[in-house]
């Protein structure tokens, strides 16, 4: 009888221990979120929950450059919605409108070009606007020959909360 009771207690302890450990296991999504929040951010990465702002810096007397956001990075690009806060300068996109674990391409649309020049694009997150970590690609050149064309300038990889930005130069 003692052996049976001891065995029953031992088995109960093993099952109880197993069920407790299962409660602490993270789902793949929870693990990814934890990894994104605790990893050291590279210079081209930001954590953002609300949205991303894209700001163009250039002399507007030289050109009118619009930005477009596309899902994908290859030949097949699917247009995504991006708000234009100030024409040819300030654009934004809400995080909720972008699918998780997806790659995107930002393209410069050279609406008009009167003089050859350069432009910069800066990416800033919404929630840390005053103290935000930003990512900038500088010295993107254009000429009159670019008028009416589009050029991919930035690749964006969105995780759950982390964004990584890569220049397409």
Protein backbone atom coordinates (compact mmCIF):
# COMPACT_ATOMS: atom_id res chain seq x y z
CA UNK A 1 0.00 0.00 0.00
CA UNK A 2 2.83 2.37 0.87
CA UNK A 3 4.47 1.75 -2.50
CA UNK A 4 1.19 2.43 -4.30
CA UNK A 5 0.69 5.68 -2.38
CA UNK A 6 4.28 6.72 -2.98
CA UNK A 7 3.96 5.95 -6.68
CA UNK A 8 0.70 7.90 -6.88
CA UNK A 9 2.28 10.89 -5.15
CA UNK A 10 5.32 10.73 -7.41
CA UNK A 11 3.16 10.54 -10.54
CA UNK A 12 0.99 13.44 -9.30
CA UNK A 13 4.08 15.56 -8.71
CA UNK A 14 5.41 14.78 -12.20
CA UNK A 15 2.08 15.64 -13.87
CA UNK A 16 1.65 18.78 -11.77
CA UNK A 17 5.18 19.89 -12.61
CA UNK A 18 4.59 19.26 -16.33
CA UNK A 19 1.35 21.21 -16.38
CA UNK A 20 2.95 24.14 -14.55
CA UNK A 21 5.83 24.29 -17.01
CA UNK A 22 3.45 24.28 -19.96
CA UNK A 23 1.86 27.48 -18.65
CA UNK A 24 5.17 29.33 -18.92
CA UNK A 25 5.96 28.30 -22.50
CA UNK A 26 5.58 31.17 -24.95
CA UNK A 27 3.77 30.93 -28.24
CA UNK A 28 5.90 31.73 -31.32
CA UNK A 29 4.22 35.16 -31.54
CA UNK A 30 4.88 35.90 -27.85
CA UNK A 31 8.50 34.81 -28.28
CA UNK A 32 8.93 37.06 -31.33
CA UNK A 33 7.42 40.00 -29.44
CA UNK A 34 9.74 39.38 -26.48
CA UNK A 35 12.75 39.09 -28.81
CA UNK A 36 11.85 42.35 -30.60
CA UNK A 37 11.39 44.25 -27.33
CA UNK A 38 14.58 43.00 -25.65
CA UNK A 39 17.07 42.86 -28.52
CA UNK A 40 19.56 45.67 -28.92
CA UNK A 41 18.33 47.81 -31.80
CA UNK A 42 20.63 48.32 -34.75
CA UNK A 43 20.99 51.86 -36.16
CA UNK A 44 18.47 51.05 -38.92
CA UNK A 45 15.79 49.64 -36.55
CA UNK A 46 13.06 51.17 -34.42
CA UNK A 47 10.31 49.78 -32.19
CA UNK A 48 6.96 51.38 -32.97
CA UNK A 49 3.34 50.57 -32.10
CA UNK A 50 1.43 53.52 -33.56
CA UNK A 51 2.88 54.51 -36.92
CA UNK A 52 5.80 55.65 -39.03
CA UNK A 53 6.46 59.07 -40.57
CA UNK A 54 8.53 59.53 -43.75
CA UNK A 55 9.95 63.01 -44.28
CA UNK A 56 11.57 64.15 -47.52
CA UNK A 57 14.16 66.91 -47.38
CA UNK A 58 15.04 68.69 -50.64
CA UNK A 59 14.71 72.04 -52.40
CA UNK A 60 11.20 71.95 -53.84
CA UNK A 61 12.09 74.45 -56.55
CA UNK A 62 14.16 71.61 -58.08
CA UNK A 63 11.46 68.94 -58.09
CA UNK A 64 8.22 67.53 -56.76
CA UNK A 65 8.82 64.10 -55.31
CA UNK A 66 5.94 61.99 -54.02
CA UNK A 67 6.32 58.81 -51.99
CA UNK A 68 4.48 55.55 -52.52
CA UNK A 69 4.40 52.55 -50.20
CA UNK A 70 4.16 49.08 -51.71
CA UNK A 71 3.86 45.64 -50.18
CA UNK A 72 6.68 43.46 -51.49
CA UNK A 73 10.25 44.09 -52.59
CA UNK A 74 10.50 42.40 -55.96
CA UNK A 75 8.83 42.83 -59.30
CA UNK A 76 5.28 42.46 -57.97
CA UNK A 77 4.51 45.42 -55.73
CA UNK A 78 1.06 45.92 -54.19
CA UNK A 79 0.20 49.57 -53.40
CA UNK A 80 -0.57 50.30 -49.75
CA UNK A 81 -2.28 53.32 -48.24
CA UNK A 82 -0.01 56.07 -46.96
CA UNK A 83 -1.26 59.44 -45.73
CA UNK A 84 0.23 62.62 -47.12
CA UNK A 85 0.55 65.18 -44.31
CA UNK A 86 2.26 67.81 -46.46
CA UNK A 87 2.47 67.31 -50.25
CA UNK A 88 5.88 66.20 -51.49
CA UNK A 89 7.37 66.34 -47.98
CA UNK A 90 5.64 64.53 -45.09
CA UNK A 91 3.99 61.09 -45.29
CA UNK A 92 2.78 58.65 -42.66
CA UNK A 93 1.35 55.18 -42.24
CA UNK A 94 -0.39 53.63 -39.25
CA UNK A 95 1.15 50.44 -37.92
CA UNK A 96 -2.23 48.66 -37.83
CA UNK A 97 -2.64 49.13 -41.58
CA UNK A 98 0.52 47.14 -42.34
CA UNK A 99 0.53 43.34 -42.10
CA UNK A 100 2.98 41.91 -39.57
CA UNK A 101 6.13 40.08 -40.67
CA UNK A 102 5.97 41.61 -44.12
CA UNK A 103 8.40 43.53 -46.34
CA UNK A 104 7.58 46.80 -48.09
CA UNK A 105 9.20 49.12 -50.61
CA UNK A 106 9.14 52.92 -50.48
CA UNK A 107 9.39 54.47 -53.93
CA UNK A 108 10.15 58.05 -54.96
CA UNK A 109 7.79 59.21 -57.70
CA UNK A 110 9.46 62.06 -59.59
CA UNK A 111 6.33 64.06 -60.49
CA UNK A 112 8.35 66.93 -61.93
CA UNK A 113 12.06 67.75 -62.08
CA UNK A 114 13.36 71.16 -63.12
CA UNK A 115 16.97 70.88 -61.91
CA UNK A 116 19.27 68.02 -60.92
CA UNK A 117 19.72 67.80 -57.15
CA UNK A 118 19.67 65.44 -54.16
CA UNK A 119 17.14 64.57 -51.48
CA UNK A 120 17.11 62.82 -48.10
CA UNK A 121 14.43 60.64 -46.54
CA UNK A 122 14.08 60.37 -42.76
CA UNK A 123 11.94 57.78 -40.96
CA UNK A 124 10.56 58.59 -37.50
CA UNK A 125 8.15 56.64 -35.26
CA UNK A 126 4.97 58.32 -33.98
CA UNK A 127 5.19 57.48 -30.29
CA UNK A 128 8.63 58.88 -29.65
CA UNK A 129 8.43 61.93 -31.92
CA UNK A 130 10.41 64.26 -29.63
CA UNK A 131 13.08 61.77 -28.60
CA UNK A 132 12.70 59.38 -31.46
CA UNK A 133 15.36 57.28 -32.97
CA UNK A 134 15.28 58.00 -36.66
CA UNK A 135 16.74 56.45 -39.76
CA UNK A 136 17.93 58.67 -42.63
CA UNK A 137 19.11 57.93 -46.14
CA UNK A 138 20.98 60.96 -47.47
CA UNK A 139 22.23 62.14 -50.82
CA UNK A 140 19.72 60.46 -53.13
CA UNK A 141 20.32 62.12 -56.48
CA UNK A 142 17.96 62.85 -59.34
CA UNK A 143 18.16 64.53 -62.74
CA UNK A 144 15.69 65.87 -65.29
CA UNK A 145 15.71 62.40 -66.87
CA UNK A 146 13.97 61.07 -63.72
CA UNK A 147 10.83 63.13 -64.38
CA UNK A 148 7.79 60.90 -64.62
CA UNK A 149 9.61 57.84 -63.27
CA UNK A 150 9.62 55.95 -59.96
CA UNK A 151 12.64 54.62 -58.11
CA UNK A 152 12.76 52.29 -55.11
CA UNK A 153 14.66 54.05 -52.35
CA UNK A 154 13.91 52.19 -49.13
CA UNK A 155 13.07 48.63 -48.15
CA UNK A 156 11.10 48.20 -44.94
CA UNK A 157 10.81 44.97 -42.96
CA UNK A 158 8.03 45.03 -40.37
CA UNK A 159 7.91 42.46 -37.58
CA UNK A 160 5.32 42.78 -34.82
CA UNK A 161 6.60 46.04 -33.35
CA UNK A 162 10.06 46.32 -34.84
CA UNK A 163 10.81 47.97 -38.17
CA UNK A 164 14.07 47.61 -40.03
CA UNK A 165 14.97 49.98 -42.89
CA UNK A 166 17.40 49.31 -45.72
CA UNK A 167 18.59 51.69 -48.40
CA UNK A 168 17.99 50.44 -51.95
CA UNK A 169 20.94 52.35 -53.45
